[in-house]
PDB file of N, CA and C in Angstrom:
ATOM      1  N   MET A   1     236.573 -73.337  59.417  1.00  0.00           N
ATOM      2  CA  MET A   1     236.566 -71.638  59.976  1.00  0.00           C
ATOM      3  C   MET A   1     238.389 -71.219  58.965  1.00  0.00           C
ATOM      4  N   LYS A   2     238.226 -70.028  58.743  1.00  0.00           N
ATOM      5  CA  LYS A   2     239.437 -69.365  58.140  1.00  0.00           C
ATOM      6  C   LYS A   2     240.216 -68.775  59.545  1.00  0.00           C
ATOM      7  N   ALA A   3     241.187 -68.879  58.899  1.00  0.00           N
ATOM      8  CA  ALA A   3     242.289 -68.012  59.622  1.00  0.00           C
ATOM      9  C   ALA A   3     243.383 -67.713  58.948  1.00  0.00           C
ATOM     10  N   THR A   4     243.316 -65.930  59.225  1.00  0.00           N
ATOM     11  CA  THR A   4     244.574 -65.087  58.396  1.00  0.00           C
ATOM     12  C   THR A   4     245.984 -64.950  59.451  1.00  0.00           C
ATOM     13  N   ILE A   5     246.752 -64.940  58.960  1.00  0.00           N
ATOM     14  CA  ILE A   5     247.888 -64.858  59.692  1.00  0.00           C
ATOM     15  C   ILE A   5     248.902 -64.133  58.911  1.00  0.00           C
ATOM     16  N   TRP A   6     249.288 -63.020  59.387  1.00  0.00           N
ATOM     17  CA  TRP A   6     250.093 -62.276  59.463  1.00  0.00           C
ATOM     18  C   TRP A   6     251.414 -62.571  59.478  1.00  0.00           C
ATOM     19  N   HIS A   7     252.305 -63.174  58.327  1.00  0.00           N
ATOM     20  CA  HIS A   7     253.407 -63.920  58.545  1.00  0.00           C
ATOM     21  C   HIS A   7     254.879 -63.008  58.324  1.00  0.00           C
ATOM     22  N   ASN A   8     255.918 -63.174  58.596  1.00  0.00           N
ATOM     23  CA  ASN A   8     257.314 -62.962  58.381  1.00  0.00           C
ATOM     24  C   ASN A   8     257.856 -64.510  58.182  1.00  0.00           C
ATOM     25  N   PRO A   9     258.321 -65.240  57.289  1.00  0.00           N
ATOM     26  CA  PRO A   9     258.564 -66.665  57.228  1.00  0.00           C
ATOM     27  C   PRO A   9     260.033 -66.673  57.821  1.00  0.00           C
ATOM     28  N   ARG A  10     260.838 -65.361  58.118  1.00  0.00           N
ATOM     29  CA  ARG A  10     262.077 -65.722  58.920  1.00  0.00           C
ATOM     30  C   ARG A  10     262.156 -65.267  60.645  1.00  0.00           C
ATOM     31  N   CYS A  11     260.560 -65.621  60.903  1.00  0.00           N
ATOM     32  CA  CYS A  11     260.501 -65.590  62.493  1.00  0.00           C
ATOM     33  C   CYS A  11     260.133 -66.514  62.849  1.00  0.00           C
ATOM     34  N   SER A  12     260.527 -67.320  63.975  1.00  0.00           N
ATOM     35  CA  SER A  12     260.691 -68.759  64.396  1.00  0.00           C
ATOM     36  C   SER A  12     259.051 -68.697  64.805  1.00  0.00           C
ATOM     37  N   LYS A  13     258.666 -67.575  65.514  1.00  0.00           N
ATOM     38  CA  LYS A  13     257.487 -67.624  66.220  1.00  0.00           C
ATOM     39  C   LYS A  13     256.150 -67.741  65.439  1.00  0.00           C
ATOM     40  N   SER A  14     256.551 -66.910  64.150  1.00  0.00           N
ATOM     41  CA  SER A  14     255.799 -66.518  62.921  1.00  0.00           C
ATOM     42  C   SER A  14     255.599 -67.724  62.707  1.00  0.00           C
ATOM     43  N   ARG A  15     256.455 -69.099  62.223  1.00  0.00           N
ATOM     44  CA  ARG A  15     256.744 -70.019  61.477  1.00  0.00           C
ATOM     45  C   ARG A  15     255.832 -71.119  62.708  1.00  0.00           C
ATOM     46  N   GLN A  16     255.963 -71.089  64.229  1.00  0.00           N
ATOM     47  CA  GLN A  16     255.527 -71.964  65.363  1.00  0.00           C
ATOM     48  C   GLN A  16     254.084 -71.673  64.741  1.00  0.00           C
ATOM     49  N   ALA A  17     253.397 -70.469  64.663  1.00  0.00           N
ATOM     50  CA  ALA A  17     252.174 -70.147  64.679  1.00  0.00           C
ATOM     51  C   ALA A  17     251.426 -70.860  63.486  1.00  0.00           C
ATOM     52  N   LEU A  18     251.912 -70.673  62.158  1.00  0.00           N
ATOM     53  CA  LEU A  18     251.862 -71.014  61.070  1.00  0.00           C
ATOM     54  C   LEU A  18     251.621 -72.889  61.341  1.00  0.00           C
ATOM     55  N   ALA A  19     252.435 -72.845  61.790  1.00  0.00           N
ATOM     56  CA  ALA A  19     251.987 -74.643  61.986  1.00  0.00           C
ATOM     57  C   ALA A  19     251.213 -75.029  63.084  1.00  0.00           C
ATOM     58  N   ILE A  20     250.933 -74.423  64.282  1.00  0.00           N
ATOM     59  CA  ILE A  20     249.716 -74.814  64.725  1.00  0.00           C
ATOM     60  C   ILE A  20     248.274 -74.644  63.775  1.00  0.00           C
ATOM     61  N   LEU A  21     248.140 -73.568  63.287  1.00  0.00           N
ATOM     62  CA  LEU A  21     247.279 -73.231  62.232  1.00  0.00           C
ATOM     63  C   LEU A  21     247.083 -74.412  61.279  1.00  0.00           C
ATOM     64  N   GLU A  22     248.103 -74.672  60.678  1.00  0.00           N
ATOM     65  CA  GLU A  22     248.100 -75.568  59.531  1.00  0.00           C
ATOM     66  C   GLU A  22     247.875 -77.252  59.967  1.00  0.00           C
ATOM     67  N   ASP A  23     248.295 -77.705  61.043  1.00  0.00           N
ATOM     68  CA  ASP A  23     247.833 -78.705  62.138  1.00  0.00           C
ATOM     69  C   ASP A  23     246.331 -78.584  62.604  1.00  0.00           C
ATOM     70  N   THR A  24     245.670 -77.537  62.900  1.00  0.00           N
ATOM     71  CA  THR A  24     243.959 -77.420  63.029  1.00  0.00           C
ATOM     72  C   THR A  24     243.330 -77.776  62.228  1.00  0.00           C
ATOM     73  N   PRO A  25     242.793 -79.199  62.768  1.00  0.00           N
ATOM     74  CA  PRO A  25     241.753 -79.581  61.508  1.00  0.00           C
ATOM     75  C   PRO A  25     240.786 -78.695  60.908  1.00  0.00           C
ATOM     76  N   GLY A  26     240.182 -78.748  60.088  1.00  0.00           N
ATOM     77  CA  GLY A  26     239.095 -77.738  59.862  1.00  0.00           C
ATOM     78  C   GLY A  26     239.335 -76.167  59.930  1.00  0.00           C
ATOM     79  N   VAL A  27     240.736 -75.866  59.870  1.00  0.00           N
ATOM     80  CA  VAL A  27     241.215 -74.424  59.359  1.00  0.00           C
ATOM     81  C   VAL A  27     241.683 -73.892  58.326  1.00  0.00           C
ATOM     82  N   GLU A  28     241.206 -73.453  57.667  1.00  0.00           N
ATOM     83  CA  GLU A  28     241.956 -73.005  56.423  1.00  0.00           C
ATOM     84  C   GLU A  28     242.824 -71.547  56.522  1.00  0.00           C
ATOM     85  N   VAL A  29     243.850 -71.690  56.372  1.00  0.00           N
ATOM     86  CA  VAL A  29     244.602 -70.618  56.361  1.00  0.00           C
ATOM     87  C   VAL A  29     245.405 -69.794  55.011  1.00  0.00           C
ATOM     88  N   GLU A  30     244.884 -68.614  55.653  1.00  0.00           N
ATOM     89  CA  GLU A  30     245.621 -67.520  54.463  1.00  0.00           C
ATOM     90  C   GLU A  30     246.675 -66.967  55.058  1.00  0.00           C
ATOM     91  N   ILE A  31     247.777 -67.257  54.197  1.00  0.00           N
ATOM     92  CA  ILE A  31     248.814 -66.280  54.842  1.00  0.00           C
ATOM     93  C   ILE A  31     248.962 -64.785  53.984  1.00  0.00           C
ATOM     94  N   VAL A  32     249.491 -64.179  54.817  1.00  0.00           N
ATOM     95  CA  VAL A  32     249.839 -62.541  54.388  1.00  0.00           C
ATOM     96  C   VAL A  32     251.167 -62.352  54.876  1.00  0.00           C
ATOM     97  N   GLU A  33     251.925 -62.283  54.082  1.00  0.00           N
ATOM     98  CA  GLU A  33     253.423 -61.876  54.120  1.00  0.00           C
ATOM     99  C   GLU A  33     253.598 -60.236  54.216  1.00  0.00           C
ATOM    100  N   TYR A  34     253.079 -59.998  55.387  1.00  0.00           N
ATOM    101  CA  TYR A  34     252.943 -58.520  55.553  1.00  0.00           C
ATOM    102  C   TYR A  34     253.884 -57.558  55.114  1.00  0.00           C
ATOM    103  N   LEU A  35     255.635 -57.846  54.830  1.00  0.00           N
ATOM    104  CA  LEU A  35     256.444 -57.223  54.358  1.00  0.00           C
ATOM    105  C   LEU A  35     256.414 -57.074  53.377  1.00  0.00           C
ATOM    106  N   LYS A  36     255.744 -58.071  52.590  1.00  0.00           N
ATOM    107  CA  LYS A  36     255.789 -58.002  51.452  1.00  0.00           C
ATOM    108  C   LYS A  36     254.389 -56.992  50.657  1.00  0.00           C
ATOM    109  N   THR A  37     252.981 -57.229  51.161  1.00  0.00           N
ATOM    110  CA  THR A  37     252.251 -56.784  51.461  1.00  0.00           C
ATOM    111  C   THR A  37     251.462 -55.943  52.374  1.00  0.00           C
ATOM    112  N   PRO A  38     251.916 -55.010  53.022  1.00  0.00           N
ATOM    113  CA  PRO A  38     251.655 -54.351  54.499  1.00  0.00           C
ATOM    114  C   PRO A  38     250.236 -53.993  54.432  1.00  0.00           C
ATOM    115  N   PRO A  39     249.633 -54.340  55.567  1.00  0.00           N
ATOM    116  CA  PRO A  39     248.252 -53.710  55.936  1.00  0.00           C
ATOM    117  C   PRO A  39     248.422 -51.981  55.854  1.00  0.00           C
ATOM    118  N   SER A  40     247.154 -51.843  55.310  1.00  0.00           N
ATOM    119  CA  SER A  40     246.559 -50.499  55.344  1.00  0.00           C
ATOM    120  C   SER A  40     246.926 -49.770  56.775  1.00  0.00           C
ATOM    121  N   ARG A  41     246.961 -48.134  57.154  1.00  0.00           N
ATOM    122  CA  ARG A  41     246.979 -48.142  58.222  1.00  0.00           C
ATOM    123  C   ARG A  41     245.503 -47.949  58.972  1.00  0.00           C
ATOM    124  N   ALA A  42     244.204 -48.116  58.187  1.00  0.00           N
ATOM    125  CA  ALA A  42     243.235 -48.347  58.284  1.00  0.00           C
ATOM    126  C   ALA A  42     242.902 -49.615  58.803  1.00  0.00           C
ATOM    127  N   ASP A  43     243.364 -50.567  58.370  1.00  0.00           N
ATOM    128  CA  ASP A  43     243.436 -52.380  58.292  1.00  0.00           C
ATOM    129  C   ASP A  43     244.147 -52.504  60.047  1.00  0.00           C
ATOM    130  N   LEU A  44     245.069 -51.975  60.120  1.00  0.00           N
ATOM    131  CA  LEU A  44     245.934 -51.428  61.564  1.00  0.00           C
ATOM    132  C   LEU A  44     245.115 -51.476  62.646  1.00  0.00           C
ATOM    133  N   ALA A  45     244.625 -50.081  62.549  1.00  0.00           N
ATOM    134  CA  ALA A  45     243.330 -49.534  63.099  1.00  0.00           C
ATOM    135  C   ALA A  45     242.643 -50.431  63.553  1.00  0.00           C
ATOM    136  N   ALA A  46     242.185 -51.039  62.761  1.00  0.00           N
ATOM    137  CA  ALA A  46     240.683 -51.653  62.923  1.00  0.00           C
ATOM    138  C   ALA A  46     240.991 -53.191  63.305  1.00  0.00           C
ATOM    139  N   THR A  47     242.020 -53.887  62.977  1.00  0.00           N
ATOM    140  CA  THR A  47     242.568 -55.204  63.706  1.00  0.00           C
ATOM    141  C   THR A  47     242.829 -55.106  64.827  1.00  0.00           C
ATOM    142  N   TYR A  48     243.805 -53.933  65.368  1.00  0.00           N
ATOM    143  CA  TYR A  48     243.848 -53.787  66.629  1.00  0.00           C
ATOM    144  C   TYR A  48     242.671 -53.467  67.709  1.00  0.00           C
ATOM    145  N   ALA A  49     241.933 -52.562  67.277  1.00  0.00           N
ATOM    146  CA  ALA A  49     240.591 -52.632  67.636  1.00  0.00           C
ATOM    147  C   ALA A  49     239.790 -53.609  68.209  1.00  0.00           C
ATOM    148  N   ARG A  50     240.038 -55.127  67.251  1.00  0.00           N
ATOM    149  CA  ARG A  50     238.886 -55.999  67.330  1.00  0.00           C
ATOM    150  C   ARG A  50     239.552 -56.691  68.024  1.00  0.00           C
ATOM    151  N   ALA A  51     240.728 -56.616  68.030  1.00  0.00           N
ATOM    152  CA  ALA A  51     241.702 -57.323  69.566  1.00  0.00           C
ATOM    153  C   ALA A  51     241.631 -56.765  71.056  1.00  0.00           C
ATOM    154  N   GLY A  52     241.296 -55.842  70.516  1.00  0.00           N
ATOM    155  CA  GLY A  52     241.106 -55.289  72.169  1.00  0.00           C
ATOM    156  C   GLY A  52     242.168 -54.475  72.755  1.00  0.00           C
ATOM    157  N   ILE A  53     243.061 -54.208  72.005  1.00  0.00           N
ATOM    158  CA  ILE A  53     244.864 -53.855  72.041  1.00  0.00           C
ATOM    159  C   ILE A  53     245.264 -52.443  71.573  1.00  0.00           C
ATOM    160  N   ALA A  54     245.723 -51.395  72.251  1.00  0.00           N
ATOM    161  CA  ALA A  54     246.346 -50.321  71.364  1.00  0.00           C
ATOM    162  C   ALA A  54     247.462 -50.747  70.607  1.00  0.00           C
ATOM    163  N   PRO A  55     247.521 -49.725  69.400  1.00  0.00           N
ATOM    164  CA  PRO A  55     248.634 -49.995  68.368  1.00  0.00           C
ATOM    165  C   PRO A  55     250.200 -50.516  69.349  1.00  0.00           C
ATOM    166  N   ARG A  56     249.993 -49.560  70.392  1.00  0.00           N
ATOM    167  CA  ARG A  56     252.178 -49.926  71.022  1.00  0.00           C
ATOM    168  C   ARG A  56     252.031 -51.015  71.730  1.00  0.00           C
ATOM    169  N   ASP A  57     250.728 -51.969  71.769  1.00  0.00           N
ATOM    170  CA  ASP A  57     250.981 -53.417  71.894  1.00  0.00           C
ATOM    171  C   ASP A  57     251.467 -54.055  70.516  1.00  0.00           C
ATOM    172  N   GLY A  58     250.993 -53.868  69.697  1.00  0.00           N
ATOM    173  CA  GLY A  58     251.070 -54.725  68.156  1.00  0.00           C
ATOM    174  C   GLY A  58     252.408 -53.975  67.908  1.00  0.00           C
ATOM    175  N   LEU A  59     253.107 -52.900  68.612  1.00  0.00           N
ATOM    176  CA  LEU A  59     254.636 -52.647  68.423  1.00  0.00           C
ATOM    177  C   LEU A  59     255.442 -53.259  68.236  1.00  0.00           C
ATOM    178  N   ARG A  60     256.937 -53.405  67.727  1.00  0.00           N
ATOM    179  CA  ARG A  60     258.050 -54.067  67.571  1.00  0.00           C
ATOM    180  C   ARG A  60     258.866 -53.002  68.182  1.00  0.00           C
ATOM    181  N   LYS A  61     258.679 -52.616  69.517  1.00  0.00           N
ATOM    182  CA  LYS A  61     259.383 -51.709  70.395  1.00  0.00           C
ATOM    183  C   LYS A  61     260.865 -51.685  70.250  1.00  0.00           C
ATOM    184  N   GLY A  62     261.851 -53.031  69.908  1.00  0.00           N
ATOM    185  CA  GLY A  62     263.010 -53.260  69.960  1.00  0.00           C
ATOM    186  C   GLY A  62     263.719 -52.970  68.408  1.00  0.00           C
ATOM    187  N   GLU A  63     262.587 -52.465  67.399  1.00  0.00           N
ATOM    188  CA  GLU A  63     263.051 -52.350  66.254  1.00  0.00           C
ATOM    189  C   GLU A  63     264.000 -51.293  66.014  1.00  0.00           C
ATOM    190  N   ASP A  64     265.306 -51.194  65.624  1.00  0.00           N
ATOM    191  CA  ASP A  64     265.974 -49.555  65.188  1.00  0.00           C
ATOM    192  C   ASP A  64     265.041 -48.447  64.651  1.00  0.00           C
ATOM    193  N   ILE A  65     263.993 -48.774  63.624  1.00  0.00           N
ATOM    194  CA  ILE A  65     263.283 -47.597  63.696  1.00  0.00           C
ATOM    195  C   ILE A  65     262.297 -47.339  64.380  1.00  0.00           C
ATOM    196  N   ALA A  66     261.753 -48.008  65.461  1.00  0.00           N
ATOM    197  CA  ALA A  66     261.169 -47.687  66.257  1.00  0.00           C
ATOM    198  C   ALA A  66     261.774 -46.799  67.085  1.00  0.00           C
ATOM    199  N   LYS A  67     263.369 -47.090  67.555  1.00  0.00           N
ATOM    200  CA  LYS A  67     263.856 -46.261  68.374  1.00  0.00           C
ATOM    201  C   LYS A  67     264.269 -44.715  67.406  1.00  0.00           C
ATOM    202  N   GLU A  68     264.529 -45.193  66.137  1.00  0.00           N
ATOM    203  CA  GLU A  68     265.116 -43.446  65.445  1.00  0.00           C
ATOM    204  C   GLU A  68     263.840 -42.457  65.930  1.00  0.00           C
ATOM    205  N   LEU A  69     262.679 -43.521  65.389  1.00  0.00           N
ATOM    206  CA  LEU A  69     261.158 -42.193  65.342  1.00  0.00           C
ATOM    207  C   LEU A  69     260.985 -41.967  66.850  1.00  0.00           C
ATOM    208  N   GLY A  70     261.189 -42.386  67.734  1.00  0.00           N
ATOM    209  CA  GLY A  70     260.969 -42.129  69.294  1.00  0.00           C
ATOM    210  C   GLY A  70     259.761 -42.758  69.337  1.00  0.00           C
ATOM    211  N   LEU A  71     259.547 -43.825  68.994  1.00  0.00           N
ATOM    212  CA  LEU A  71     257.737 -44.433  69.131  1.00  0.00           C
ATOM    213  C   LEU A  71     257.590 -44.776  70.859  1.00  0.00           C
ATOM    214  N   ALA A  72     258.737 -44.808  71.333  1.00  0.00           N
ATOM    215  CA  ALA A  72     257.921 -45.268  72.586  1.00  0.00           C
ATOM    216  C   ALA A  72     257.428 -44.327  73.138  1.00  0.00           C
ATOM    217  N   ASN A  73     257.357 -43.366  73.562  1.00  0.00           N
ATOM    218  CA  ASN A  73     256.070 -42.319  74.184  1.00  0.00           C
ATOM    219  C   ASN A  73     255.673 -41.687  73.085  1.00  0.00           C
ATOM    220  N   ALA A  74     255.470 -42.261  71.623  1.00  0.00           N
ATOM    221  CA  ALA A  74     254.354 -41.593  70.724  1.00  0.00           C
ATOM    222  C   ALA A  74     252.905 -41.896  70.950  1.00  0.00           C
ATOM    223  N   SER A  75     252.194 -40.920  70.208  1.00  0.00           N
ATOM    224  CA  SER A  75     250.661 -41.254  70.418  1.00  0.00           C
ATOM    225  C   SER A  75     250.017 -42.579  69.286  1.00  0.00           C
ATOM    226  N   ASP A  76     248.975 -43.000  69.469  1.00  0.00           N
ATOM    227  CA  ASP A  76     248.829 -44.031  68.855  1.00  0.00           C
ATOM    228  C   ASP A  76     248.925 -43.956  67.246  1.00  0.00           C
ATOM    229  N   ASP A  77     248.082 -42.598  66.940  1.00  0.00           N
ATOM    230  CA  ASP A  77     248.234 -42.171  65.716  1.00  0.00           C
ATOM    231  C   ASP A  77     249.686 -42.286  64.990  1.00  0.00           C
ATOM    232  N   ALA A  78     250.174 -41.559  66.222  1.00  0.00           N
ATOM    233  CA  ALA A  78     251.896 -41.635  65.166  1.00  0.00           C
ATOM    234  C   ALA A  78     252.312 -43.105  65.057  1.00  0.00           C
ATOM    235  N   ILE A  79     252.213 -44.129  65.905  1.00  0.00           N
ATOM    236  CA  ILE A  79     252.229 -45.758  65.947  1.00  0.00           C
ATOM    237  C   ILE A  79     251.863 -46.118  64.651  1.00  0.00           C
ATOM    238  N   LEU A  80     250.833 -45.593  64.668  1.00  0.00           N
ATOM    239  CA  LEU A  80     249.735 -46.592  63.266  1.00  0.00           C
ATOM    240  C   LEU A  80     250.809 -45.933  61.735  1.00  0.00           C
ATOM    241  N   ASP A  81     250.769 -44.533  62.250  1.00  0.00           N
ATOM    242  CA  ASP A  81     251.577 -43.749  61.057  1.00  0.00           C
ATOM    243  C   ASP A  81     252.717 -44.639  60.272  1.00  0.00           C
ATOM    244  N   ALA A  82     253.496 -44.623  61.593  1.00  0.00           N
ATOM    245  CA  ALA A  82     254.968 -45.343  61.370  1.00  0.00           C
ATOM    246  C   ALA A  82     254.683 -47.216  60.883  1.00  0.00           C
ATOM    247  N   MET A  83     254.263 -47.631  61.754  1.00  0.00           N
ATOM    248  CA  MET A  83     253.361 -48.712  61.256  1.00  0.00           C
ATOM    249  C   MET A  83     253.321 -49.049  59.655  1.00  0.00           C
ATOM    250  N   ALA A  84     252.596 -48.182  58.899  1.00  0.00           N
ATOM    251  CA  ALA A  84     251.967 -48.540  57.851  1.00  0.00           C
ATOM    252  C   ALA A  84     253.181 -48.165  56.822  1.00  0.00           C
ATOM    253  N   GLN A  85     253.940 -47.261  57.498  1.00  0.00           N
ATOM    254  CA  GLN A  85     255.291 -46.868  56.821  1.00  0.00           C
ATOM    255  C   GLN A  85     256.123 -48.007  56.887  1.00  0.00           C
ATOM    256  N   HIS A  86     256.305 -48.474  57.862  1.00  0.00           N
ATOM    257  CA  HIS A  86     257.586 -49.670  58.150  1.00  0.00           C
ATOM    258  C   HIS A  86     257.177 -50.799  58.525  1.00  0.00           C
ATOM    259  N   PRO A  87     256.388 -51.634  57.909  1.00  0.00           N
ATOM    260  CA  PRO A  87     255.630 -52.366  58.421  1.00  0.00           C
ATOM    261  C   PRO A  87     256.492 -53.675  58.874  1.00  0.00           C
ATOM    262  N   ILE A  88     258.023 -53.367  59.020  1.00  0.00           N
ATOM    263  CA  ILE A  88     258.809 -54.100  60.160  1.00  0.00           C
ATOM    264  C   ILE A  88     258.239 -53.805  61.783  1.00  0.00           C
ATOM    265  N   LEU A  89     257.691 -52.833  61.723  1.00  0.00           N
ATOM    266  CA  LEU A  89     257.047 -52.474  63.399  1.00  0.00           C
ATOM    267  C   LEU A  89     255.846 -53.434  63.510  1.00  0.00           C
ATOM    268  N   ILE A  90     255.602 -54.001  62.911  1.00  0.00           N
ATOM    269  CA  ILE A  90     254.285 -54.918  63.117  1.00  0.00           C
ATOM    270  C   ILE A  90     254.766 -55.957  64.107  1.00  0.00           C
ATOM    271  N   GLU A  91     254.363 -56.416  65.148  1.00  0.00           N
ATOM    272  CA  GLU A  91     254.550 -57.172  65.830  1.00  0.00           C
ATOM    273  C   GLU A  91     253.934 -58.836  65.492  1.00  0.00           C
ATOM    274  N   ARG A  92     254.518 -59.322  65.028  1.00  0.00           N
ATOM    275  CA  ARG A  92     254.492 -60.410  64.440  1.00  0.00           C
ATOM    276  C   ARG A  92     254.316 -62.028  65.373  1.00  0.00           C
ATOM    277  N   PRO A  93     254.034 -63.228  64.972  1.00  0.00           N
ATOM    278  CA  PRO A  93     252.552 -63.288  63.982  1.00  0.00           C
ATOM    279  C   PRO A  93     251.341 -62.781  64.551  1.00  0.00           C
ATOM    280  N   LEU A  94     250.459 -62.391  63.570  1.00  0.00           N
ATOM    281  CA  LEU A  94     249.094 -61.555  64.095  1.00  0.00           C
ATOM    282  C   LEU A  94     248.302 -62.604  63.647  1.00  0.00           C
ATOM    283  N   VAL A  95     247.069 -63.090  63.855  1.00  0.00           N
ATOM    284  CA  VAL A  95     246.309 -64.157  63.438  1.00  0.00           C
ATOM    285  C   VAL A  95     244.999 -63.824  63.651  1.00  0.00           C
ATOM    286  N   ILE A  96     244.070 -63.771  62.366  1.00  0.00           N
ATOM    287  CA  ILE A  96     242.782 -62.941  62.330  1.00  0.00           C
ATOM    288  C   ILE A  96     241.610 -64.145  62.196  1.00  0.00           C
ATOM    289  N   THR A  97     240.744 -64.802  63.190  1.00  0.00           N
ATOM    290  CA  THR A  97     239.818 -65.475  62.775  1.00  0.00           C
ATOM    291  C   THR A  97     238.406 -64.996  63.204  1.00  0.00           C
ATOM    292  N   GLU A  98     237.288 -65.515  62.855  1.00  0.00           N
ATOM    293  CA  GLU A  98     236.299 -65.208  63.531  1.00  0.00           C
ATOM    294  C   GLU A  98     235.709 -64.796  64.641  1.00  0.00           C
ATOM    295  N   LYS A  99     236.809 -65.558  65.383  1.00  0.00           N
ATOM    296  CA  LYS A  99     236.148 -65.411  66.896  1.00  0.00           C
ATOM    297  C   LYS A  99     237.453 -64.726  67.938  1.00  0.00           C
ATOM    298  N   GLY A 100     238.303 -63.488  66.542  1.00  0.00           N
ATOM    299  CA  GLY A 100     239.143 -62.556  67.423  1.00  0.00           C
ATOM    300  C   GLY A 100     240.241 -62.472  66.782  1.00  0.00           C
ATOM    301  N   VAL A 101     241.556 -61.929  67.445  1.00  0.00           N
ATOM    302  CA  VAL A 101     242.208 -61.247  66.554  1.00  0.00           C
ATOM    303  C   VAL A 101     243.236 -61.792  68.156  1.00  0.00           C
ATOM    304  N   ARG A 102     244.761 -62.147  67.481  1.00  0.00           N
ATOM    305  CA  ARG A 102     245.599 -62.638  69.079  1.00  0.00           C
ATOM    306  C   ARG A 102     247.111 -62.444  67.991  1.00  0.00           C
ATOM    307  N   ILE A 103     248.000 -61.914  68.963  1.00  0.00           N
ATOM    308  CA  ILE A 103     249.457 -61.960  68.586  1.00  0.00           C
ATOM    309  C   ILE A 103     249.909 -62.886  69.553  1.00  0.00           C
ATOM    310  N   GLY A 104     250.695 -63.769  68.243  1.00  0.00           N
ATOM    311  CA  GLY A 104     250.962 -65.273  68.728  1.00  0.00           C
ATOM    312  C   GLY A 104     252.301 -65.048  69.430  1.00  0.00           C
ATOM    313  N   ARG A 105     252.028 -64.573  70.862  1.00  0.00           N
ATOM    314  CA  ARG A 105     253.298 -64.464  71.584  1.00  0.00           C
ATOM    315  C   ARG A 105     253.068 -64.917  73.175  1.00  0.00           C
ATOM    316  N   PRO A 106     253.083 -65.850  73.135  1.00  0.00           N
ATOM    317  CA  PRO A 106     253.793 -67.003  72.491  1.00  0.00           C
ATOM    318  C   PRO A 106     252.611 -67.540  71.439  1.00  0.00           C
ATOM    319  N   PRO A 107     253.332 -68.150  70.691  1.00  0.00           N
ATOM    320  CA  PRO A 107     252.507 -69.101  69.836  1.00  0.00           C
ATOM    321  C   PRO A 107     251.469 -69.599  69.763  1.00  0.00           C
ATOM    322  N   GLU A 108     251.446 -70.281  71.192  1.00  0.00           N
ATOM    323  CA  GLU A 108     250.198 -70.918  71.764  1.00  0.00           C
ATOM    324  C   GLU A 108     248.754 -69.817  71.781  1.00  0.00           C
ATOM    325  N   ALA A 109     249.236 -68.885  72.174  1.00  0.00           N
ATOM    326  CA  ALA A 109     248.107 -67.637  72.518  1.00  0.00           C
ATOM    327  C   ALA A 109     247.197 -67.849  71.254  1.00  0.00           C
ATOM    328  N   ILE A 110     247.565 -68.310  70.181  1.00  0.00           N
ATOM    329  CA  ILE A 110     246.165 -68.294  69.033  1.00  0.00           C
ATOM    330  C   ILE A 110     245.249 -69.022  69.106  1.00  0.00           C
ATOM    331  N   ARG A 111     245.571 -70.148  70.091  1.00  0.00           N
ATOM    332  CA  ARG A 111     244.600 -71.484  69.961  1.00  0.00           C
ATOM    333  C   ARG A 111     243.406 -70.877  70.617  1.00  0.00           C
ATOM    334  N   GLU A 112     243.408 -69.346  71.654  1.00  0.00           N
ATOM    335  CA  GLU A 112     242.053 -68.709  72.164  1.00  0.00           C
ATOM    336  C   GLU A 112     241.140 -68.614  70.752  1.00  0.00           C
ATOM    337  N   ILE A 113     241.452 -68.190  69.681  1.00  0.00           N
ATOM    338  CA  ILE A 113     240.396 -67.854  68.767  1.00  0.00           C
ATOM    339  C   ILE A 113     240.219 -69.325  67.657  1.00  0.00           C
ATOM    340  N   LEU A 114     240.826 -70.166  67.969  1.00  0.00           N
ATOM    341  CA  LEU A 114     240.340 -71.476  67.103  1.00  0.00           C
ATOM    342  C   LEU A 114     239.568 -72.225  67.470  1.00  0.00           C
TER     343      LEU A 114
END
């Protein structure tokens, strides 16, 4: 099984999720450092739709830029635009497999799709 992780190596939760993936037999891991290679707005929209969550559920609301942009009450379109422009706003880690998409908060949540 292939698993793609949108990963930030500086984040402890992201590192924990990556360790779960690497320790799971039969999982081929693709690591995307999304701060270096951000997903497009279309990829974000499709990924959240596949996860069955609204873009605001994948938003790092505590980031300064989220507050500066007033994203707490913004539309999904505005949130997607902001995430595409400022990938630091994307909640991490995010894991994608053939079985679904999960945000790894807590990291163990990704086991549901392995």
